[in-house]
mmCIF file of all heavy atoms, coordinates in Angstrom:
data_MODEL
# 
_entry.id   MODEL 
# 
loop_
_atom_site.group_PDB 
_atom_site.id 
_atom_site.type_symbol 
_atom_site.label_atom_id 
_atom_site.label_alt_id 
_atom_site.label_comp_id 
_atom_site.label_asym_id 
_atom_site.label_entity_id 
_atom_site.label_seq_id 
_atom_site.pdbx_PDB_ins_code 
_atom_site.Cartn_x 
_atom_site.Cartn_y 
_atom_site.Cartn_z 
_atom_site.occupancy 
_atom_site.B_iso_or_equiv 
_atom_site.pdbx_formal_charge 
_atom_site.auth_seq_id 
_atom_site.auth_comp_id 
_atom_site.auth_asym_id 
_atom_site.auth_atom_id 
_atom_site.pdbx_PDB_model_num 
ATOM 1   N N   . GLY A 1 1  ? 73.172 55.682 65.493 1.00 0.00 ? 1  GLY A N   1 
ATOM 2   C CA  . GLY A 1 1  ? 73.794 56.999 65.609 1.00 0.00 ? 1  GLY A CA  1 
ATOM 3   C C   . GLY A 1 1  ? 73.180 57.920 66.725 1.00 0.00 ? 1  GLY A C   1 
ATOM 4   O O   . GLY A 1 1  ? 72.060 57.574 67.159 1.00 0.00 ? 1  GLY A O   1 
ATOM 5   N N   . PRO A 1 2  ? 73.909 58.819 67.206 1.00 0.00 ? 2  PRO A N   1 
ATOM 6   C CA  . PRO A 1 2  ? 73.452 59.620 68.252 1.00 0.00 ? 2  PRO A CA  1 
ATOM 7   C C   . PRO A 1 2  ? 72.173 60.408 67.942 1.00 0.00 ? 2  PRO A C   1 
ATOM 8   O O   . PRO A 1 2  ? 71.392 60.730 68.850 1.00 0.00 ? 2  PRO A O   1 
ATOM 9   C CB  . PRO A 1 2  ? 74.580 60.602 68.525 1.00 0.00 ? 2  PRO A CB  1 
ATOM 10  C CG  . PRO A 1 2  ? 75.442 60.600 67.158 1.00 0.00 ? 2  PRO A CG  1 
ATOM 11  C CD  . PRO A 1 2  ? 75.250 59.284 66.781 1.00 0.00 ? 2  PRO A CD  1 
ATOM 12  N N   . LEU A 1 3  ? 71.975 60.870 66.739 1.00 0.00 ? 3  LEU A N   1 
ATOM 13  C CA  . LEU A 1 3  ? 70.726 61.589 66.371 1.00 0.00 ? 3  LEU A CA  1 
ATOM 14  C C   . LEU A 1 3  ? 69.560 60.709 66.550 1.00 0.00 ? 3  LEU A C   1 
ATOM 15  O O   . LEU A 1 3  ? 68.528 61.238 67.253 1.00 0.00 ? 3  LEU A O   1 
ATOM 16  C CB  . LEU A 1 3  ? 70.920 62.182 65.063 1.00 0.00 ? 3  LEU A CB  1 
ATOM 17  C CG  . LEU A 1 3  ? 69.681 62.970 64.564 1.00 0.00 ? 3  LEU A CG  1 
ATOM 18  C CD1 . LEU A 1 3  ? 69.382 64.159 65.610 1.00 0.00 ? 3  LEU A CD1 1 
ATOM 19  C CD2 . LEU A 1 3  ? 69.804 63.473 63.160 1.00 0.00 ? 3  LEU A CD2 1 
ATOM 20  N N   . GLN A 1 4  ? 69.459 59.540 65.934 1.00 0.00 ? 4  GLN A N   1 
ATOM 21  C CA  . GLN A 1 4  ? 68.208 58.737 66.128 1.00 0.00 ? 4  GLN A CA  1 
ATOM 22  C C   . GLN A 1 4  ? 68.056 58.127 67.505 1.00 0.00 ? 4  GLN A C   1 
ATOM 23  O O   . GLN A 1 4  ? 67.117 58.015 67.936 1.00 0.00 ? 4  GLN A O   1 
ATOM 24  C CB  . GLN A 1 4  ? 68.311 57.551 65.059 1.00 0.00 ? 4  GLN A CB  1 
ATOM 25  C CG  . GLN A 1 4  ? 68.302 57.999 63.662 1.00 0.00 ? 4  GLN A CG  1 
ATOM 26  C CD  . GLN A 1 4  ? 67.850 56.769 62.830 1.00 0.00 ? 4  GLN A CD  1 
ATOM 27  O OE1 . GLN A 1 4  ? 66.804 56.127 63.046 1.00 0.00 ? 4  GLN A OE1 1 
ATOM 28  N NE2 . GLN A 1 4  ? 68.472 56.622 61.663 1.00 0.00 ? 4  GLN A NE2 1 
ATOM 29  N N   . VAL A 1 5  ? 69.160 57.993 68.210 1.00 0.00 ? 5  VAL A N   1 
ATOM 30  C CA  . VAL A 1 5  ? 69.122 57.446 69.629 1.00 0.00 ? 5  VAL A CA  1 
ATOM 31  C C   . VAL A 1 5  ? 68.408 58.550 70.478 1.00 0.00 ? 5  VAL A C   1 
ATOM 32  O O   . VAL A 1 5  ? 67.451 58.292 71.268 1.00 0.00 ? 5  VAL A O   1 
ATOM 33  C CB  . VAL A 1 5  ? 70.484 57.052 70.170 1.00 0.00 ? 5  VAL A CB  1 
ATOM 34  C CG1 . VAL A 1 5  ? 70.350 56.911 71.783 1.00 0.00 ? 5  VAL A CG1 1 
ATOM 35  C CG2 . VAL A 1 5  ? 71.042 55.780 69.410 1.00 0.00 ? 5  VAL A CG2 1 
ATOM 36  N N   . TRP A 1 6  ? 68.927 59.823 70.311 1.00 0.00 ? 6  TRP A N   1 
ATOM 37  C CA  . TRP A 1 6  ? 68.216 60.892 71.025 1.00 0.00 ? 6  TRP A CA  1 
ATOM 38  C C   . TRP A 1 6  ? 66.814 61.161 70.666 1.00 0.00 ? 6  TRP A C   1 
ATOM 39  O O   . TRP A 1 6  ? 66.020 61.261 71.577 1.00 0.00 ? 6  TRP A O   1 
ATOM 40  C CB  . TRP A 1 6  ? 69.062 62.196 70.718 1.00 0.00 ? 6  TRP A CB  1 
ATOM 41  C CG  . TRP A 1 6  ? 68.454 63.393 71.206 1.00 0.00 ? 6  TRP A CG  1 
ATOM 42  C CD1 . TRP A 1 6  ? 68.542 63.839 72.556 1.00 0.00 ? 6  TRP A CD1 1 
ATOM 43  C CD2 . TRP A 1 6  ? 67.504 64.239 70.632 1.00 0.00 ? 6  TRP A CD2 1 
ATOM 44  N NE1 . TRP A 1 6  ? 67.822 65.004 72.801 1.00 0.00 ? 6  TRP A NE1 1 
ATOM 45  C CE2 . TRP A 1 6  ? 67.155 65.238 71.540 1.00 0.00 ? 6  TRP A CE2 1 
ATOM 46  C CE3 . TRP A 1 6  ? 67.084 64.456 69.295 1.00 0.00 ? 6  TRP A CE3 1 
ATOM 47  C CZ2 . TRP A 1 6  ? 66.404 66.438 71.314 1.00 0.00 ? 6  TRP A CZ2 1 
ATOM 48  C CZ3 . TRP A 1 6  ? 66.237 65.444 68.992 1.00 0.00 ? 6  TRP A CZ3 1 
ATOM 49  C CH2 . TRP A 1 6  ? 65.863 66.462 70.009 1.00 0.00 ? 6  TRP A CH2 1 
ATOM 50  N N   . MET A 1 7  ? 66.509 61.068 69.406 1.00 0.00 ? 7  MET A N   1 
ATOM 51  C CA  . MET A 1 7  ? 65.118 61.215 68.964 1.00 0.00 ? 7  MET A CA  1 
ATOM 52  C C   . MET A 1 7  ? 64.199 60.129 69.548 1.00 0.00 ? 7  MET A C   1 
ATOM 53  O O   . MET A 1 7  ? 63.102 60.371 70.090 1.00 0.00 ? 7  MET A O   1 
ATOM 54  C CB  . MET A 1 7  ? 64.965 61.111 67.581 1.00 0.00 ? 7  MET A CB  1 
ATOM 55  C CG  . MET A 1 7  ? 65.596 62.360 66.773 1.00 0.00 ? 7  MET A CG  1 
ATOM 56  S SD  . MET A 1 7  ? 65.600 62.200 64.968 1.00 0.00 ? 7  MET A SD  1 
ATOM 57  C CE  . MET A 1 7  ? 63.963 62.218 64.580 1.00 0.00 ? 7  MET A CE  1 
ATOM 58  N N   . ARG A 1 8  ? 64.625 58.887 69.794 1.00 0.00 ? 8  ARG A N   1 
ATOM 59  C CA  . ARG A 1 8  ? 63.881 57.727 70.273 1.00 0.00 ? 8  ARG A CA  1 
ATOM 60  C C   . ARG A 1 8  ? 63.701 58.038 71.824 1.00 0.00 ? 8  ARG A C   1 
ATOM 61  O O   . ARG A 1 8  ? 62.573 57.900 72.331 1.00 0.00 ? 8  ARG A O   1 
ATOM 62  C CB  . ARG A 1 8  ? 64.537 56.379 69.972 1.00 0.00 ? 8  ARG A CB  1 
ATOM 63  C CG  . ARG A 1 8  ? 64.302 55.884 68.526 1.00 0.00 ? 8  ARG A CG  1 
ATOM 64  C CD  . ARG A 1 8  ? 64.761 54.403 68.456 1.00 0.00 ? 8  ARG A CD  1 
ATOM 65  N NE  . ARG A 1 8  ? 66.107 54.304 68.592 1.00 0.00 ? 8  ARG A NE  1 
ATOM 66  C CZ  . ARG A 1 8  ? 66.987 54.250 67.566 1.00 0.00 ? 8  ARG A CZ  1 
ATOM 67  N NH1 . ARG A 1 8  ? 66.542 54.329 66.405 1.00 0.00 ? 8  ARG A NH1 1 
ATOM 68  N NH2 . ARG A 1 8  ? 68.326 53.999 67.779 1.00 0.00 ? 8  ARG A NH2 1 
ATOM 69  N N   . GLU A 1 9  ? 64.851 58.434 72.368 1.00 0.00 ? 9  GLU A N   1 
ATOM 70  C CA  . GLU A 1 9  ? 64.753 58.664 73.870 1.00 0.00 ? 9  GLU A CA  1 
ATOM 71  C C   . GLU A 1 9  ? 63.909 59.875 74.266 1.00 0.00 ? 9  GLU A C   1 
ATOM 72  O O   . GLU A 1 9  ? 63.069 59.934 75.136 1.00 0.00 ? 9  GLU A O   1 
ATOM 73  C CB  . GLU A 1 9  ? 66.099 58.756 74.370 1.00 0.00 ? 9  GLU A CB  1 
ATOM 74  C CG  . GLU A 1 9  ? 66.936 57.648 74.436 1.00 0.00 ? 9  GLU A CG  1 
ATOM 75  C CD  . GLU A 1 9  ? 68.287 57.737 74.844 1.00 0.00 ? 9  GLU A CD  1 
ATOM 76  O OE1 . GLU A 1 9  ? 68.743 58.857 75.176 1.00 0.00 ? 9  GLU A OE1 1 
ATOM 77  O OE2 . GLU A 1 9  ? 69.119 56.685 74.994 1.00 0.00 ? 9  GLU A OE2 1 
ATOM 78  N N   . ALA A 1 10 ? 63.909 60.888 73.392 1.00 0.00 ? 10 ALA A N   1 
ATOM 79  C CA  . ALA A 1 10 ? 63.299 62.163 73.758 1.00 0.00 ? 10 ALA A CA  1 
ATOM 80  C C   . ALA A 1 10 ? 61.728 62.125 73.400 1.00 0.00 ? 10 ALA A C   1 
ATOM 81  O O   . ALA A 1 10 ? 60.928 62.689 74.182 1.00 0.00 ? 10 ALA A O   1 
ATOM 82  C CB  . ALA A 1 10 ? 63.929 63.265 72.884 1.00 0.00 ? 10 ALA A CB  1 
ATOM 83  N N   . PHE A 1 11 ? 61.364 61.364 72.436 1.00 0.00 ? 11 PHE A N   1 
ATOM 84  C CA  . PHE A 1 11 ? 60.046 61.452 72.034 1.00 0.00 ? 11 PHE A CA  1 
ATOM 85  C C   . PHE A 1 11 ? 59.347 60.045 72.183 1.00 0.00 ? 11 PHE A C   1 
ATOM 86  O O   . PHE A 1 11 ? 58.209 59.877 71.790 1.00 0.00 ? 11 PHE A O   1 
ATOM 87  C CB  . PHE A 1 11 ? 59.928 61.802 70.579 1.00 0.00 ? 11 PHE A CB  1 
ATOM 88  C CG  . PHE A 1 11 ? 60.469 63.331 70.268 1.00 0.00 ? 11 PHE A CG  1 
ATOM 89  C CD1 . PHE A 1 11 ? 61.654 63.432 69.639 1.00 0.00 ? 11 PHE A CD1 1 
ATOM 90  C CD2 . PHE A 1 11 ? 59.777 64.369 70.587 1.00 0.00 ? 11 PHE A CD2 1 
ATOM 91  C CE1 . PHE A 1 11 ? 62.295 64.559 69.424 1.00 0.00 ? 11 PHE A CE1 1 
ATOM 92  C CE2 . PHE A 1 11 ? 60.262 65.695 70.377 1.00 0.00 ? 11 PHE A CE2 1 
ATOM 93  C CZ  . PHE A 1 11 ? 61.534 65.810 69.757 1.00 0.00 ? 11 PHE A CZ  1 
ATOM 94  N N   . GLY A 1 12 ? 60.034 59.099 72.763 1.00 0.00 ? 12 GLY A N   1 
ATOM 95  C CA  . GLY A 1 12 ? 59.393 57.804 72.976 1.00 0.00 ? 12 GLY A CA  1 
ATOM 96  C C   . GLY A 1 12 ? 59.128 56.920 71.777 1.00 0.00 ? 12 GLY A C   1 
ATOM 97  O O   . GLY A 1 12 ? 58.055 56.376 71.736 1.00 0.00 ? 12 GLY A O   1 
ATOM 98  N N   . LEU A 1 13 ? 59.835 57.291 70.674 1.00 0.00 ? 13 LEU A N   1 
ATOM 99  C CA  . LEU A 1 13 ? 59.532 56.476 69.409 1.00 0.00 ? 13 LEU A CA  1 
ATOM 100 C C   . LEU A 1 13 ? 60.378 55.190 69.261 1.00 0.00 ? 13 LEU A C   1 
ATOM 101 O O   . LEU A 1 13 ? 61.203 55.041 70.126 1.00 0.00 ? 13 LEU A O   1 
ATOM 102 C CB  . LEU A 1 13 ? 59.963 57.502 68.225 1.00 0.00 ? 13 LEU A CB  1 
ATOM 103 C CG  . LEU A 1 13 ? 59.199 58.807 68.311 1.00 0.00 ? 13 LEU A CG  1 
ATOM 104 C CD1 . LEU A 1 13 ? 59.867 59.707 67.132 1.00 0.00 ? 13 LEU A CD1 1 
ATOM 105 C CD2 . LEU A 1 13 ? 57.724 58.670 68.163 1.00 0.00 ? 13 LEU A CD2 1 
ATOM 106 N N   . GLU A 1 14 ? 60.013 54.441 68.195 1.00 0.00 ? 14 GLU A N   1 
ATOM 107 C CA  . GLU A 1 14 ? 60.702 53.183 68.076 1.00 0.00 ? 14 GLU A CA  1 
ATOM 108 C C   . GLU A 1 14 ? 61.002 53.042 66.634 1.00 0.00 ? 14 GLU A C   1 
ATOM 109 O O   . GLU A 1 14 ? 60.335 53.520 65.829 1.00 0.00 ? 14 GLU A O   1 
ATOM 110 C CB  . GLU A 1 14 ? 59.796 51.968 68.524 1.00 0.00 ? 14 GLU A CB  1 
ATOM 111 C CG  . GLU A 1 14 ? 59.630 52.001 70.006 1.00 0.00 ? 14 GLU A CG  1 
ATOM 112 C CD  . GLU A 1 14 ? 58.758 50.707 70.513 1.00 0.00 ? 14 GLU A CD  1 
ATOM 113 O OE1 . GLU A 1 14 ? 58.466 49.978 69.580 1.00 0.00 ? 14 GLU A OE1 1 
ATOM 114 O OE2 . GLU A 1 14 ? 58.495 50.571 71.731 1.00 0.00 ? 14 GLU A OE2 1 
ATOM 115 N N   . GLY A 1 15 ? 62.026 52.151 66.424 1.00 0.00 ? 15 GLY A N   1 
ATOM 116 C CA  . GLY A 1 15 ? 62.354 51.870 65.025 1.00 0.00 ? 15 GLY A CA  1 
ATOM 117 C C   . GLY A 1 15 ? 63.147 52.937 64.384 1.00 0.00 ? 15 GLY A C   1 
ATOM 118 O O   . GLY A 1 15 ? 63.613 53.836 64.925 1.00 0.00 ? 15 GLY A O   1 
ATOM 119 N N   . ARG A 1 16 ? 63.347 52.737 62.975 1.00 0.00 ? 16 ARG A N   1 
ATOM 120 C CA  . ARG A 1 16 ? 64.122 53.798 62.319 1.00 0.00 ? 16 ARG A CA  1 
ATOM 121 C C   . ARG A 1 16 ? 63.379 54.985 62.075 1.00 0.00 ? 16 ARG A C   1 
ATOM 122 O O   . ARG A 1 16 ? 62.207 54.927 61.606 1.00 0.00 ? 16 ARG A O   1 
ATOM 123 C CB  . ARG A 1 16 ? 64.430 53.138 60.822 1.00 0.00 ? 16 ARG A CB  1 
ATOM 124 C CG  . ARG A 1 16 ? 65.336 54.089 59.951 1.00 0.00 ? 16 ARG A CG  1 
ATOM 125 C CD  . ARG A 1 16 ? 65.734 53.413 58.674 1.00 0.00 ? 16 ARG A CD  1 
ATOM 126 N NE  . ARG A 1 16 ? 66.587 52.127 58.897 1.00 0.00 ? 16 ARG A NE  1 
ATOM 127 C CZ  . ARG A 1 16 ? 67.807 52.276 59.074 1.00 0.00 ? 16 ARG A CZ  1 
ATOM 128 N NH1 . ARG A 1 16 ? 68.499 53.424 58.969 1.00 0.00 ? 16 ARG A NH1 1 
ATOM 129 N NH2 . ARG A 1 16 ? 68.488 51.182 59.338 1.00 0.00 ? 16 ARG A NH2 1 
ATOM 130 N N   . LEU A 1 17 ? 63.948 56.184 62.417 1.00 0.00 ? 17 LEU A N   1 
ATOM 131 C CA  . LEU A 1 17 ? 63.240 57.423 62.158 1.00 0.00 ? 17 LEU A CA  1 
ATOM 132 C C   . LEU A 1 17 ? 63.736 58.246 61.029 1.00 0.00 ? 17 LEU A C   1 
ATOM 133 O O   . LEU A 1 17 ? 63.070 59.199 60.738 1.00 0.00 ? 17 LEU A O   1 
ATOM 134 C CB  . LEU A 1 17 ? 63.438 58.203 63.560 1.00 0.00 ? 17 LEU A CB  1 
ATOM 135 C CG  . LEU A 1 17 ? 63.162 57.461 64.857 1.00 0.00 ? 17 LEU A CG  1 
ATOM 136 C CD1 . LEU A 1 17 ? 63.336 58.424 66.118 1.00 0.00 ? 17 LEU A CD1 1 
ATOM 137 C CD2 . LEU A 1 17 ? 61.605 57.104 64.859 1.00 0.00 ? 17 LEU A CD2 1 
ATOM 138 N N   . LEU A 1 18 ? 64.978 57.858 60.505 1.00 0.00 ? 18 LEU A N   1 
ATOM 139 C CA  . LEU A 1 18 ? 65.530 58.586 59.359 1.00 0.00 ? 18 LEU A CA  1 
ATOM 140 C C   . LEU A 1 18 ? 65.666 57.700 58.098 1.00 0.00 ? 18 LEU A C   1 
ATOM 141 O O   . LEU A 1 18 ? 65.821 56.537 58.362 1.00 0.00 ? 18 LEU A O   1 
ATOM 142 C CB  . LEU A 1 18 ? 66.763 59.430 59.756 1.00 0.00 ? 18 LEU A CB  1 
ATOM 143 C CG  . LEU A 1 18 ? 66.716 60.451 60.803 1.00 0.00 ? 18 LEU A CG  1 
ATOM 144 C CD1 . LEU A 1 18 ? 68.020 60.951 61.223 1.00 0.00 ? 18 LEU A CD1 1 
ATOM 145 C CD2 . LEU A 1 18 ? 65.724 61.545 60.355 1.00 0.00 ? 18 LEU A CD2 1 
ATOM 146 N N   . PRO A 1 19 ? 65.789 58.242 56.931 1.00 0.00 ? 19 PRO A N   1 
ATOM 147 C CA  . PRO A 1 19 ? 66.100 57.385 55.789 1.00 0.00 ? 19 PRO A CA  1 
ATOM 148 C C   . PRO A 1 19 ? 67.384 56.652 55.974 1.00 0.00 ? 19 PRO A C   1 
ATOM 149 O O   . PRO A 1 19 ? 68.306 57.320 56.667 1.00 0.00 ? 19 PRO A O   1 
ATOM 150 C CB  . PRO A 1 19 ? 65.888 58.182 54.575 1.00 0.00 ? 19 PRO A CB  1 
ATOM 151 C CG  . PRO A 1 19 ? 65.226 59.368 55.063 1.00 0.00 ? 19 PRO A CG  1 
ATOM 152 C CD  . PRO A 1 19 ? 65.375 59.626 56.525 1.00 0.00 ? 19 PRO A CD  1 
ATOM 153 N N   . GLU A 1 20 ? 67.653 55.535 55.384 1.00 0.00 ? 20 GLU A N   1 
ATOM 154 C CA  . GLU A 1 20 ? 68.915 54.950 55.461 1.00 0.00 ? 20 GLU A CA  1 
ATOM 155 C C   . GLU A 1 20 ? 70.022 55.716 54.624 1.00 0.00 ? 20 GLU A C   1 
ATOM 156 O O   . GLU A 1 20 ? 69.768 56.262 53.483 1.00 0.00 ? 20 GLU A O   1 
ATOM 157 C CB  . GLU A 1 20 ? 68.900 53.532 54.656 1.00 0.00 ? 20 GLU A CB  1 
ATOM 158 C CG  . GLU A 1 20 ? 70.199 52.949 54.513 1.00 0.00 ? 20 GLU A CG  1 
ATOM 159 C CD  . GLU A 1 20 ? 70.778 52.515 55.893 1.00 0.00 ? 20 GLU A CD  1 
ATOM 160 O OE1 . GLU A 1 20 ? 70.179 52.168 56.726 1.00 0.00 ? 20 GLU A OE1 1 
ATOM 161 O OE2 . GLU A 1 20 ? 72.018 52.897 55.900 1.00 0.00 ? 20 GLU A OE2 1 
ATOM 162 N N   . VAL A 1 21 ? 71.020 56.030 55.366 1.00 0.00 ? 21 VAL A N   1 
ATOM 163 C CA  . VAL A 1 21 ? 72.033 56.862 54.808 1.00 0.00 ? 21 VAL A CA  1 
ATOM 164 C C   . VAL A 1 21 ? 72.834 56.201 53.698 1.00 0.00 ? 21 VAL A C   1 
ATOM 165 O O   . VAL A 1 21 ? 73.112 56.836 52.829 1.00 0.00 ? 21 VAL A O   1 
ATOM 166 C CB  . VAL A 1 21 ? 73.106 57.259 55.879 1.00 0.00 ? 21 VAL A CB  1 
ATOM 167 C CG1 . VAL A 1 21 ? 74.190 58.238 55.454 1.00 0.00 ? 21 VAL A CG1 1 
ATOM 168 C CG2 . VAL A 1 21 ? 72.340 57.933 57.065 1.00 0.00 ? 21 VAL A CG2 1 
ATOM 169 N N   . ARG A 1 22 ? 73.150 54.897 53.833 1.00 0.00 ? 22 ARG A N   1 
ATOM 170 C CA  . ARG A 1 22 ? 73.869 54.029 52.887 1.00 0.00 ? 22 ARG A CA  1 
ATOM 171 C C   . ARG A 1 22 ? 72.932 53.766 51.708 1.00 0.00 ? 22 ARG A C   1 
ATOM 172 O O   . ARG A 1 22 ? 72.485 52.588 51.692 1.00 0.00 ? 22 ARG A O   1 
ATOM 173 C CB  . ARG A 1 22 ? 74.357 52.857 53.525 1.00 0.00 ? 22 ARG A CB  1 
ATOM 174 C CG  . ARG A 1 22 ? 75.430 53.233 54.661 1.00 0.00 ? 22 ARG A CG  1 
ATOM 175 C CD  . ARG A 1 22 ? 76.083 51.974 55.127 1.00 0.00 ? 22 ARG A CD  1 
ATOM 176 N NE  . ARG A 1 22 ? 76.912 52.242 56.302 1.00 0.00 ? 22 ARG A NE  1 
ATOM 177 C CZ  . ARG A 1 22 ? 77.659 51.269 56.982 1.00 0.00 ? 22 ARG A CZ  1 
ATOM 178 N NH1 . ARG A 1 22 ? 77.569 49.992 56.496 1.00 0.00 ? 22 ARG A NH1 1 
ATOM 179 N NH2 . ARG A 1 22 ? 78.400 51.590 57.899 1.00 0.00 ? 22 ARG A NH2 1 
ATOM 180 N N   . SER A 1 23 ? 72.724 54.599 51.000 1.00 0.00 ? 23 SER A N   1 
ATOM 181 C CA  . SER A 1 23 ? 71.801 54.568 49.792 1.00 0.00 ? 23 SER A CA  1 
ATOM 182 C C   . SER A 1 23 ? 72.229 55.403 48.610 1.00 0.00 ? 23 SER A C   1 
ATOM 183 O O   . SER A 1 23 ? 73.327 56.135 48.738 1.00 0.00 ? 23 SER A O   1 
ATOM 184 C CB  . SER A 1 23 ? 70.442 54.813 50.084 1.00 0.00 ? 23 SER A CB  1 
ATOM 185 O OG  . SER A 1 23 ? 70.267 56.147 50.518 1.00 0.00 ? 23 SER A OG  1 
ATOM 186 N N   . VAL A 1 24 ? 71.582 55.325 47.461 1.00 0.00 ? 24 VAL A N   1 
ATOM 187 C CA  . VAL A 1 24 ? 71.895 56.058 46.307 1.00 0.00 ? 24 VAL A CA  1 
ATOM 188 C C   . VAL A 1 24 ? 71.802 57.580 46.693 1.00 0.00 ? 24 VAL A C   1 
ATOM 189 O O   . VAL A 1 24 ? 72.553 58.375 46.352 1.00 0.00 ? 24 VAL A O   1 
ATOM 190 C CB  . VAL A 1 24 ? 71.269 55.759 45.084 1.00 0.00 ? 24 VAL A CB  1 
ATOM 191 C CG1 . VAL A 1 24 ? 71.415 56.718 43.922 1.00 0.00 ? 24 VAL A CG1 1 
ATOM 192 C CG2 . VAL A 1 24 ? 71.484 54.235 44.651 1.00 0.00 ? 24 VAL A CG2 1 
ATOM 193 N N   . TRP A 1 25 ? 70.663 57.828 47.367 1.00 0.00 ? 25 TRP A N   1 
ATOM 194 C CA  . TRP A 1 25 ? 70.386 59.173 47.664 1.00 0.00 ? 25 TRP A CA  1 
ATOM 195 C C   . TRP A 1 25 ? 71.324 59.756 48.754 1.00 0.00 ? 25 TRP A C   1 
ATOM 196 O O   . TRP A 1 25 ? 71.627 60.950 48.666 1.00 0.00 ? 25 TRP A O   1 
ATOM 197 C CB  . TRP A 1 25 ? 68.944 59.357 48.171 1.00 0.00 ? 25 TRP A CB  1 
ATOM 198 C CG  . TRP A 1 25 ? 67.949 58.931 46.994 1.00 0.00 ? 25 TRP A CG  1 
ATOM 199 C CD1 . TRP A 1 25 ? 67.157 57.844 47.119 1.00 0.00 ? 25 TRP A CD1 1 
ATOM 200 C CD2 . TRP A 1 25 ? 67.657 59.625 45.916 1.00 0.00 ? 25 TRP A CD2 1 
ATOM 201 N NE1 . TRP A 1 25 ? 66.510 57.673 45.928 1.00 0.00 ? 25 TRP A NE1 1 
ATOM 202 C CE2 . TRP A 1 25 ? 66.830 58.792 45.177 1.00 0.00 ? 25 TRP A CE2 1 
ATOM 203 C CE3 . TRP A 1 25 ? 68.240 60.739 45.322 1.00 0.00 ? 25 TRP A CE3 1 
ATOM 204 C CZ2 . TRP A 1 25 ? 66.370 59.175 43.874 1.00 0.00 ? 25 TRP A CZ2 1 
ATOM 205 C CZ3 . TRP A 1 25 ? 67.793 61.076 44.056 1.00 0.00 ? 25 TRP A CZ3 1 
ATOM 206 C CH2 . TRP A 1 25 ? 66.680 60.387 43.306 1.00 0.00 ? 25 TRP A CH2 1 
ATOM 207 N N   . GLY A 1 26 ? 71.731 58.900 49.739 1.00 0.00 ? 26 GLY A N   1 
ATOM 208 C CA  . GLY A 1 26 ? 72.800 59.315 50.611 1.00 0.00 ? 26 GLY A CA  1 
ATOM 209 C C   . GLY A 1 26 ? 74.073 59.559 49.896 1.00 0.00 ? 26 GLY A C   1 
ATOM 210 O O   . GLY A 1 26 ? 74.781 60.560 50.203 1.00 0.00 ? 26 GLY A O   1 
ATOM 211 N N   . ALA A 1 27 ? 74.417 58.917 48.969 1.00 0.00 ? 27 ALA A N   1 
ATOM 212 C CA  . ALA A 1 27 ? 75.724 59.040 48.099 1.00 0.00 ? 27 ALA A CA  1 
ATOM 213 C C   . ALA A 1 27 ? 75.589 60.448 47.309 1.00 0.00 ? 27 ALA A C   1 
ATOM 214 O O   . ALA A 1 27 ? 76.504 61.150 47.200 1.00 0.00 ? 27 ALA A O   1 
ATOM 215 C CB  . ALA A 1 27 ? 75.957 58.016 47.227 1.00 0.00 ? 27 ALA A CB  1 
ATOM 216 N N   . ILE A 1 28 ? 74.380 60.755 46.770 1.00 0.00 ? 28 ILE A N   1 
ATOM 217 C CA  . ILE A 1 28 ? 74.083 61.991 46.011 1.00 0.00 ? 28 ILE A CA  1 
ATOM 218 C C   . ILE A 1 28 ? 74.367 63.207 46.924 1.00 0.00 ? 28 ILE A C   1 
ATOM 219 O O   . ILE A 1 28 ? 75.064 63.997 46.508 1.00 0.00 ? 28 ILE A O   1 
ATOM 220 C CB  . ILE A 1 28 ? 72.675 61.950 45.480 1.00 0.00 ? 28 ILE A CB  1 
ATOM 221 C CG1 . ILE A 1 28 ? 72.552 60.863 44.404 1.00 0.00 ? 28 ILE A CG1 1 
ATOM 222 C CG2 . ILE A 1 28 ? 72.238 63.242 44.896 1.00 0.00 ? 28 ILE A CG2 1 
ATOM 223 C CD1 . ILE A 1 28 ? 71.222 60.619 43.758 1.00 0.00 ? 28 ILE A CD1 1 
# 
């Protein structure tokens, strides 16, 4: 998604930066 793509490009990070949206907590 655009948020994680922007965070990786802006701060030079790699991998998943936010918790998985498709989860029980995301549904909550």
